PDB file of N, CA and C in Angstrom:
ATOM      1  N   UNK A   1       0.839  -1.198  -0.043  1.00  0.00           N
ATOM      2  CA  UNK A   1       0.000  -0.029   0.009  1.00  0.00           C
ATOM      3  C   UNK A   1       0.912   1.202   0.020  1.00  0.00           C
ATOM      4  N   UNK A   2       0.564   2.160  -0.817  1.00  0.00           N
ATOM      5  CA  UNK A   2       1.254   3.442  -0.960  1.00  0.00           C
ATOM      6  C   UNK A   2       0.594   4.558  -0.132  1.00  0.00           C
ATOM      7  N   UNK A   3       1.395   5.186   0.668  1.00  0.00           N
ATOM      8  CA  UNK A   3       0.807   6.115   1.652  1.00  0.00           C
ATOM      9  C   UNK A   3       1.434   7.449   1.417  1.00  0.00           C
ATOM     10  N   UNK A   4       0.644   8.343   0.672  1.00  0.00           N
ATOM     11  CA  UNK A   4       1.225   9.786   0.502  1.00  0.00           C
ATOM     12  C   UNK A   4       0.824  10.592   1.735  1.00  0.00           C
ATOM     13  N   UNK A   5       1.841  11.433   2.102  1.00  0.00           N
ATOM     14  CA  UNK A   5       1.609  12.301   3.146  1.00  0.00           C
ATOM     15  C   UNK A   5       1.905  13.689   2.623  1.00  0.00           C
ATOM     16  N   UNK A   6       1.163  14.598   3.085  1.00  0.00           N
ATOM     17  CA  UNK A   6       1.285  16.045   2.865  1.00  0.00           C
ATOM     18  C   UNK A   6       1.830  16.783   4.065  1.00  0.00           C
ATOM     19  N   UNK A   7       2.951  17.460   3.880  1.00  0.00           N
ATOM     20  CA  UNK A   7       3.570  18.187   5.001  1.00  0.00           C
ATOM     21  C   UNK A   7       2.740  19.286   5.470  1.00  0.00           C
ATOM     22  N   UNK A   8       2.559  19.471   6.720  1.00  0.00           N
ATOM     23  CA  UNK A   8       1.745  20.552   7.163  1.00  0.00           C
ATOM     24  C   UNK A   8       2.640  21.864   7.008  1.00  0.00           C
ATOM     25  N   UNK A   9       1.887  22.966   6.577  1.00  0.00           N
ATOM     26  CA  UNK A   9       2.552  24.298   6.432  1.00  0.00           C
ATOM     27  C   UNK A   9       3.142  24.738   7.781  1.00  0.00           C
ATOM     28  N   UNK A  10       4.389  25.382   7.627  1.00  0.00           N
ATOM     29  CA  UNK A  10       4.981  25.943   8.784  1.00  0.00           C
ATOM     30  C   UNK A  10       4.204  27.166   9.163  1.00  0.00           C
ATOM     31  N   UNK A  11       3.677  27.063  10.391  1.00  0.00           N
ATOM     32  CA  UNK A  11       2.784  28.181  10.885  1.00  0.00           C
ATOM     33  C   UNK A  11       3.469  28.872  12.074  1.00  0.00           C
ATOM     34  N   UNK A  12       4.743  28.686  12.330  1.00  0.00           N
ATOM     35  CA  UNK A  12       5.434  29.305  13.472  1.00  0.00           C
ATOM     36  C   UNK A  12       5.411  30.799  13.349  1.00  0.00           C
ATOM     37  N   UNK A  13       5.295  31.310  12.222  1.00  0.00           N
ATOM     38  CA  UNK A  13       5.233  32.856  12.082  1.00  0.00           C
ATOM     39  C   UNK A  13       4.007  33.421  12.791  1.00  0.00           C
ATOM     40  N   UNK A  14       2.963  32.660  12.977  1.00  0.00           N
ATOM     41  CA  UNK A  14       1.789  33.068  13.559  1.00  0.00           C
ATOM     42  C   UNK A  14       1.988  33.379  15.056  1.00  0.00           C
ATOM     43  N   UNK A  15       2.904  32.761  15.668  1.00  0.00           N
ATOM     44  CA  UNK A  15       3.061  33.015  17.140  1.00  0.00           C
ATOM     45  C   UNK A  15       3.711  34.436  17.352  1.00  0.00           C
ATOM     46  N   UNK A  16       4.381  34.984  16.368  1.00  0.00           N
ATOM     47  CA  UNK A  16       5.050  36.284  16.384  1.00  0.00           C
ATOM     48  C   UNK A  16       4.186  37.425  15.870  1.00  0.00           C
ATOM     49  N   UNK A  17       2.979  37.001  15.277  1.00  0.00           N
ATOM     50  CA  UNK A  17       2.188  37.987  14.568  1.00  0.00           C
ATOM     51  C   UNK A  17       1.369  38.805  15.641  1.00  0.00           C
ATOM     52  N   UNK A  18       1.235  40.143  15.361  1.00  0.00           N
ATOM     53  CA  UNK A  18       0.572  41.037  16.277  1.00  0.00           C
ATOM     54  C   UNK A  18      -0.839  40.670  16.290  1.00  0.00           C
ATOM     55  N   UNK A  19      -1.435  40.071  15.249  1.00  0.00           N
ATOM     56  CA  UNK A  19      -2.810  39.710  15.315  1.00  0.00           C
ATOM     57  C   UNK A  19      -3.154  38.599  16.341  1.00  0.00           C
ATOM     58  N   UNK A  20      -2.131  37.793  16.647  1.00  0.00           N
ATOM     59  CA  UNK A  20      -2.346  36.761  17.719  1.00  0.00           C
ATOM     60  C   UNK A  20      -2.447  37.401  19.067  1.00  0.00           C
ATOM     61  N   UNK A  21      -2.058  38.610  19.182  1.00  0.00           N
ATOM     62  CA  UNK A  21      -2.033  39.243  20.430  1.00  0.00           C
ATOM     63  C   UNK A  21      -3.200  40.225  20.675  1.00  0.00           C
ATOM     64  N   UNK A  22      -4.088  40.174  19.571  1.00  0.00           N
ATOM     65  CA  UNK A  22      -5.267  41.115  19.609  1.00  0.00           C
ATOM     66  C   UNK A  22      -6.504  40.316  19.312  1.00  0.00           C
ATOM     67  N   UNK A  23      -7.638  40.896  19.400  1.00  0.00           N
ATOM     68  CA  UNK A  23      -8.825  40.128  19.089  1.00  0.00           C
ATOM     69  C   UNK A  23      -9.087  39.910  17.702  1.00  0.00           C
ATOM     70  N   UNK A  24      -9.640  38.785  17.298  1.00  0.00           N
ATOM     71  CA  UNK A  24      -9.926  38.403  15.886  1.00  0.00           C
ATOM     72  C   UNK A  24     -11.051  39.338  15.329  1.00  0.00           C
ATOM     73  N   UNK A  25     -11.771  40.018  16.101  1.00  0.00           N
ATOM     74  CA  UNK A  25     -12.867  40.918  15.559  1.00  0.00           C
ATOM     75  C   UNK A  25     -12.301  41.929  14.714  1.00  0.00           C
ATOM     76  N   UNK A  26     -11.062  42.451  14.858  1.00  0.00           N
ATOM     77  CA  UNK A  26     -10.457  43.374  13.965  1.00  0.00           C
ATOM     78  C   UNK A  26     -10.217  42.769  12.602  1.00  0.00           C
ATOM     79  N   UNK A  27      -9.752  41.567  12.538  1.00  0.00           N
ATOM     80  CA  UNK A  27      -9.280  40.872  11.311  1.00  0.00           C
ATOM     81  C   UNK A  27     -10.408  40.200  10.548  1.00  0.00           C
ATOM     82  N   UNK A  28     -11.544  39.923  11.293  1.00  0.00           N
ATOM     83  CA  UNK A  28     -12.607  39.229  10.594  1.00  0.00           C
ATOM     84  C   UNK A  28     -13.958  39.938  10.967  1.00  0.00           C
ATOM     85  N   UNK A  29     -14.013  41.137  10.490  1.00  0.00           N
ATOM     86  CA  UNK A  29     -15.129  42.154  10.924  1.00  0.00           C
ATOM     87  C   UNK A  29     -16.499  41.604  10.229  1.00  0.00           C
ATOM     88  N   UNK A  30     -17.480  42.093  10.714  1.00  0.00           N
ATOM     89  CA  UNK A  30     -18.737  41.882  10.169  1.00  0.00           C
ATOM     90  C   UNK A  30     -18.799  42.591   8.738  1.00  0.00           C
ATOM     91  N   UNK A  31     -19.635  41.960   7.843  1.00  0.00           N
ATOM     92  CA  UNK A  31     -19.633  42.568   6.463  1.00  0.00           C
ATOM     93  C   UNK A  31     -20.032  43.988   6.522  1.00  0.00           C
ATOM     94  N   UNK A  32     -19.298  44.839   5.777  1.00  0.00           N
ATOM     95  CA  UNK A  32     -19.577  46.267   5.722  1.00  0.00           C
ATOM     96  C   UNK A  32     -18.902  47.071   6.825  1.00  0.00           C
ATOM     97  N   UNK A  33     -18.305  46.359   7.763  1.00  0.00           N
ATOM     98  CA  UNK A  33     -17.456  47.045   8.849  1.00  0.00           C
ATOM     99  C   UNK A  33     -16.097  47.493   8.313  1.00  0.00           C
ATOM    100  N   UNK A  34     -15.551  48.358   9.079  1.00  0.00           N
ATOM    101  CA  UNK A  34     -14.280  48.978   8.665  1.00  0.00           C
ATOM    102  C   UNK A  34     -13.111  47.892   9.024  1.00  0.00           C
ATOM    103  N   UNK A  35     -12.154  47.882   8.061  1.00  0.00           N
ATOM    104  CA  UNK A  35     -10.910  47.083   8.294  1.00  0.00           C
ATOM    105  C   UNK A  35      -9.747  47.960   8.638  1.00  0.00           C
ATOM    106  N   UNK A  36      -9.950  49.199   8.967  1.00  0.00           N
ATOM    107  CA  UNK A  36      -8.960  50.233   9.208  1.00  0.00           C
ATOM    108  C   UNK A  36      -8.016  49.786  10.319  1.00  0.00           C
ATOM    109  N   UNK A  37      -8.753  49.379  11.513  1.00  0.00           N
ATOM    110  CA  UNK A  37      -7.875  48.993  12.694  1.00  0.00           C
ATOM    111  C   UNK A  37      -7.003  47.789  12.350  1.00  0.00           C
ATOM    112  N   UNK A  38      -7.553  46.838  11.648  1.00  0.00           N
ATOM    113  CA  UNK A  38      -6.703  45.603  11.292  1.00  0.00           C
ATOM    114  C   UNK A  38      -5.548  45.990  10.438  1.00  0.00           C
ATOM    115  N   UNK A  39      -5.729  46.930   9.502  1.00  0.00           N
ATOM    116  CA  UNK A  39      -4.711  47.392   8.541  1.00  0.00           C
ATOM    117  C   UNK A  39      -3.629  48.111   9.335  1.00  0.00           C
ATOM    118  N   UNK A  40      -4.048  48.828  10.335  1.00  0.00           N
ATOM    119  CA  UNK A  40      -3.144  49.587  11.152  1.00  0.00           C
ATOM    120  C   UNK A  40      -2.233  48.625  11.934  1.00  0.00           C
ATOM    121  N   UNK A  41      -2.870  47.584  12.481  1.00  0.00           N
ATOM    122  CA  UNK A  41      -2.113  46.630  13.271  1.00  0.00           C
ATOM    123  C   UNK A  41      -1.181  45.829  12.324  1.00  0.00           C
ATOM    124  N   UNK A  42      -1.648  45.514  11.189  1.00  0.00           N
ATOM    125  CA  UNK A  42      -0.834  44.858  10.209  1.00  0.00           C
ATOM    126  C   UNK A  42       0.401  45.713   9.811  1.00  0.00           C
ATOM    127  N   UNK A  43       0.187  46.933   9.652  1.00  0.00           N
ATOM    128  CA  UNK A  43       1.288  47.836   9.225  1.00  0.00           C
ATOM    129  C   UNK A  43       2.434  47.918  10.247  1.00  0.00           C
ATOM    130  N   UNK A  44       2.078  47.507  11.426  1.00  0.00           N
ATOM    131  CA  UNK A  44       3.152  47.590  12.523  1.00  0.00           C
ATOM    132  C   UNK A  44       3.826  46.204  12.696  1.00  0.00           C
ATOM    133  N   UNK A  45       3.311  45.210  12.030  1.00  0.00           N
ATOM    134  CA  UNK A  45       3.643  43.739  12.176  1.00  0.00           C
ATOM    135  C   UNK A  45       4.970  43.448  11.338  1.00  0.00           C
ATOM    136  N   UNK A  46       5.904  42.861  11.951  1.00  0.00           N
ATOM    137  CA  UNK A  46       7.198  42.502  11.355  1.00  0.00           C
ATOM    138  C   UNK A  46       7.023  41.386  10.277  1.00  0.00           C
ATOM    139  N   UNK A  47       5.994  40.538  10.519  1.00  0.00           N
ATOM    140  CA  UNK A  47       5.860  39.347   9.651  1.00  0.00           C
ATOM    141  C   UNK A  47       4.687  39.396   8.761  1.00  0.00           C
ATOM    142  N   UNK A  48       4.346  40.579   8.394  1.00  0.00           N
ATOM    143  CA  UNK A  48       3.187  40.867   7.508  1.00  0.00           C
ATOM    144  C   UNK A  48       3.358  40.158   6.173  1.00  0.00           C
ATOM    145  N   UNK A  49       4.584  40.164   5.640  1.00  0.00           N
ATOM    146  CA  UNK A  49       4.731  39.477   4.277  1.00  0.00           C
ATOM    147  C   UNK A  49       4.559  37.991   4.461  1.00  0.00           C
ATOM    148  N   UNK A  50       4.894  37.377   5.480  1.00  0.00           N
ATOM    149  CA  UNK A  50       4.664  35.967   5.698  1.00  0.00           C
ATOM    150  C   UNK A  50       3.198  35.598   5.733  1.00  0.00           C
ATOM    151  N   UNK A  51       2.484  36.457   6.428  1.00  0.00           N
ATOM    152  CA  UNK A  51       1.021  36.399   6.507  1.00  0.00           C
ATOM    153  C   UNK A  51       0.336  36.502   5.252  1.00  0.00           C
ATOM    154  N   UNK A  52       0.715  37.512   4.396  1.00  0.00           N
ATOM    155  CA  UNK A  52       0.093  37.792   3.103  1.00  0.00           C
ATOM    156  C   UNK A  52       0.487  36.491   2.174  1.00  0.00           C
ATOM    157  N   UNK A  53       1.714  35.998   2.249  1.00  0.00           N
ATOM    158  CA  UNK A  53       2.062  34.959   1.421  1.00  0.00           C
ATOM    159  C   UNK A  53       1.210  33.743   1.776  1.00  0.00           C
ATOM    160  N   UNK A  54       1.062  33.485   3.006  1.00  0.00           N
ATOM    161  CA  UNK A  54       0.366  32.342   3.451  1.00  0.00           C
ATOM    162  C   UNK A  54      -1.190  32.544   2.958  1.00  0.00           C
ATOM    163  N   UNK A  55      -1.809  33.676   3.074  1.00  0.00           N
ATOM    164  CA  UNK A  55      -3.157  33.925   2.661  1.00  0.00           C
ATOM    165  C   UNK A  55      -3.247  33.620   1.216  1.00  0.00           C
ATOM    166  N   UNK A  56      -2.364  34.088   0.365  1.00  0.00           N
ATOM    167  CA  UNK A  56      -2.376  33.871  -1.004  1.00  0.00           C
ATOM    168  C   UNK A  56      -2.191  32.444  -1.470  1.00  0.00           C
ATOM    169  N   UNK A  57      -1.196  31.734  -0.794  1.00  0.00           N
ATOM    170  CA  UNK A  57      -0.873  30.395  -1.124  1.00  0.00           C
ATOM    171  C   UNK A  57      -2.126  29.513  -0.695  1.00  0.00           C
ATOM    172  N   UNK A  58      -2.787  29.815   0.309  1.00  0.00           N
ATOM    173  CA  UNK A  58      -3.923  28.975   0.805  1.00  0.00           C
ATOM    174  C   UNK A  58      -5.370  29.591   0.403  1.00  0.00           C
ATOM    175  N   UNK A  59      -5.349  30.504  -0.442  1.00  0.00           N
ATOM    176  CA  UNK A  59      -6.512  31.079  -0.964  1.00  0.00           C
ATOM    177  C   UNK A  59      -7.540  31.420   0.226  1.00  0.00           C
ATOM    178  N   UNK A  60      -6.934  32.124   1.164  1.00  0.00           N
ATOM    179  CA  UNK A  60      -7.935  32.602   2.261  1.00  0.00           C
ATOM    180  C   UNK A  60      -8.816  33.603   1.728  1.00  0.00           C
ATOM    181  N   UNK A  61     -10.097  33.436   1.871  1.00  0.00           N
ATOM    182  CA  UNK A  61     -11.148  34.344   1.274  1.00  0.00           C
ATOM    183  C   UNK A  61     -11.794  35.315   2.181  1.00  0.00           C
ATOM    184  N   UNK A  62     -11.450  35.106   3.539  1.00  0.00           N
ATOM    185  CA  UNK A  62     -12.217  35.903   4.517  1.00  0.00           C
ATOM    186  C   UNK A  62     -11.135  36.645   5.439  1.00  0.00           C
ATOM    187  N   UNK A  63     -11.422  37.874   5.851  1.00  0.00           N
ATOM    188  CA  UNK A  63     -10.593  38.525   6.789  1.00  0.00           C
ATOM    189  C   UNK A  63      -9.502  39.393   6.178  1.00  0.00           C
ATOM    190  N   UNK A  64      -8.692  39.944   7.089  1.00  0.00           N
ATOM    191  CA  UNK A  64      -7.541  40.732   6.689  1.00  0.00           C
ATOM    192  C   UNK A  64      -6.296  39.950   6.945  1.00  0.00           C
ATOM    193  N   UNK A  65      -5.438  39.685   5.918  1.00  0.00           N
ATOM    194  CA  UNK A  65      -4.313  38.965   6.058  1.00  0.00           C
ATOM    195  C   UNK A  65      -3.187  39.821   5.407  1.00  0.00           C
ATOM    196  N   UNK A  66      -2.046  39.962   6.134  1.00  0.00           N
ATOM    197  CA  UNK A  66      -0.911  40.589   5.587  1.00  0.00           C
ATOM    198  C   UNK A  66      -1.240  42.065   5.269  1.00  0.00           C
ATOM    199  N   UNK A  67      -2.244  42.560   5.891  1.00  0.00           N
ATOM    200  CA  UNK A  67      -2.649  44.066   5.562  1.00  0.00           C
ATOM    201  C   UNK A  67      -3.548  44.271   4.491  1.00  0.00           C
ATOM    202  N   UNK A  68      -4.034  43.163   3.796  1.00  0.00           N
ATOM    203  CA  UNK A  68      -4.960  43.334   2.846  1.00  0.00           C
ATOM    204  C   UNK A  68      -6.347  42.658   2.953  1.00  0.00           C
ATOM    205  N   UNK A  69      -7.361  43.372   2.567  1.00  0.00           N
ATOM    206  CA  UNK A  69      -8.678  42.758   2.689  1.00  0.00           C
ATOM    207  C   UNK A  69      -8.911  41.657   1.729  1.00  0.00           C
ATOM    208  N   UNK A  70     -10.142  41.048   1.717  1.00  0.00           N
ATOM    209  CA  UNK A  70     -10.410  39.960   0.724  1.00  0.00           C
ATOM    210  C   UNK A  70     -10.472  40.539  -0.666  1.00  0.00           C
ATOM    211  N   UNK A  71     -11.033  41.812  -0.862  1.00  0.00           N
ATOM    212  CA  UNK A  71     -10.956  42.371  -2.230  1.00  0.00           C
ATOM    213  C   UNK A  71      -9.653  42.727  -2.676  1.00  0.00           C
ATOM    214  N   UNK A  72      -8.844  43.241  -1.796  1.00  0.00           N
ATOM    215  CA  UNK A  72      -7.459  43.660  -2.193  1.00  0.00           C
ATOM    216  C   UNK A  72      -6.583  42.369  -2.518  1.00  0.00           C
ATOM    217  N   UNK A  73      -6.817  41.245  -1.823  1.00  0.00           N
ATOM    218  CA  UNK A  73      -6.056  39.968  -2.183  1.00  0.00           C
ATOM    219  C   UNK A  73      -6.556  39.547  -3.524  1.00  0.00           C
ATOM    220  N   UNK A  74      -7.900  39.462  -3.738  1.00  0.00           N
ATOM    221  CA  UNK A  74      -8.366  39.004  -4.954  1.00  0.00           C
ATOM    222  C   UNK A  74      -7.709  39.834  -6.180  1.00  0.00           C
ATOM    223  N   UNK A  75      -7.790  41.195  -5.960  1.00  0.00           N
ATOM    224  CA  UNK A  75      -7.156  42.118  -7.112  1.00  0.00           C
ATOM    225  C   UNK A  75      -5.648  41.749  -7.276  1.00  0.00           C
ATOM    226  N   UNK A  76      -4.941  41.526  -6.142  1.00  0.00           N
ATOM    227  CA  UNK A  76      -3.607  41.213  -6.274  1.00  0.00           C
ATOM    228  C   UNK A  76      -3.402  39.917  -7.026  1.00  0.00           C
ATOM    229  N   UNK A  77      -4.169  38.969  -6.619  1.00  0.00           N
ATOM    230  CA  UNK A  77      -4.076  37.641  -7.291  1.00  0.00           C
ATOM    231  C   UNK A  77      -4.312  37.637  -8.837  1.00  0.00           C
ATOM    232  N   UNK A  78      -5.376  38.525  -9.117  1.00  0.00           N
ATOM    233  CA  UNK A  78      -5.642  38.706 -10.569  1.00  0.00           C
ATOM    234  C   UNK A  78      -4.528  39.406 -11.282  1.00  0.00           C
ATOM    235  N   UNK A  79      -3.833  40.310 -10.697  1.00  0.00           N
ATOM    236  CA  UNK A  79      -2.800  40.953 -11.316  1.00  0.00           C
ATOM    237  C   UNK A  79      -1.669  40.057 -11.477  1.00  0.00           C
ATOM    238  N   UNK A  80      -1.420  39.156 -10.406  1.00  0.00           N
ATOM    239  CA  UNK A  80      -0.291  38.285 -10.600  1.00  0.00           C
ATOM    240  C   UNK A  80      -0.566  37.205 -11.672  1.00  0.00           C
ATOM    241  N   UNK A  81      -1.808  36.777 -11.790  1.00  0.00           N
ATOM    242  CA  UNK A  81      -2.196  35.877 -12.755  1.00  0.00           C
ATOM    243  C   UNK A  81      -2.018  36.398 -14.232  1.00  0.00           C
ATOM    244  N   UNK A  82      -2.416  37.680 -14.369  1.00  0.00           N
ATOM    245  CA  UNK A  82      -2.307  38.240 -15.707  1.00  0.00           C
ATOM    246  C   UNK A  82      -0.720  38.455 -15.944  1.00  0.00           C
ATOM    247  N   UNK A  83       0.060  38.694 -15.027  1.00  0.00           N
ATOM    248  CA  UNK A  83       1.531  38.858 -15.344  1.00  0.00           C
ATOM    249  C   UNK A  83       2.105  37.594 -15.646  1.00  0.00           C
ATOM    250  N   UNK A  84       1.670  36.487 -15.047  1.00  0.00           N
ATOM    251  CA  UNK A  84       2.126  35.107 -15.344  1.00  0.00           C
ATOM    252  C   UNK A  84       1.698  34.777 -16.718  1.00  0.00           C
ATOM    253  N   UNK A  85       0.519  35.108 -17.088  1.00  0.00           N
ATOM    254  CA  UNK A  85      -0.071  34.779 -18.411  1.00  0.00           C
ATOM    255  C   UNK A  85       0.761  35.552 -19.448  1.00  0.00           C
ATOM    256  N   UNK A  86       1.047  36.764 -19.251  1.00  0.00           N
ATOM    257  CA  UNK A  86       1.790  37.548 -20.303  1.00  0.00           C
ATOM    258  C   UNK A  86       3.153  36.987 -20.417  1.00  0.00           C
ATOM    259  N   UNK A  87       3.825  36.486 -19.380  1.00  0.00           N
ATOM    260  CA  UNK A  87       5.186  36.014 -19.412  1.00  0.00           C
ATOM    261  C   UNK A  87       5.232  34.759 -20.251  1.00  0.00           C
ATOM    262  N   UNK A  88       4.129  34.035 -20.256  1.00  0.00           N
ATOM    263  CA  UNK A  88       4.125  32.701 -21.026  1.00  0.00           C
ATOM    264  C   UNK A  88       4.096  32.968 -22.458  1.00  0.00           C
ATOM    265  N   UNK A  89       3.675  34.138 -22.920  1.00  0.00           N
ATOM    266  CA  UNK A  89       3.501  34.403 -24.359  1.00  0.00           C
ATOM    267  C   UNK A  89       4.437  35.537 -24.842  1.00  0.00           C
TER     268      UNK A  89
END
């Protein structure tokens, strides 16, 4: 029997994240609520880029990750996809 295993992602960066020291309500606000406070906290966080990379790699669709909202991450992903497509041709 062949047993494939998938390595769990390294999440050690989350222990150092400022969001781990604050309430999740800032980062997962009710629809229509402001994400200003979450973005402010992210702007002070030293591991913001690791957080954003994780969110993009794992297609996180809700909340503020790496200082970007859901819509901003979607826009960034589309831009990256277009750039990759253009490089292929």
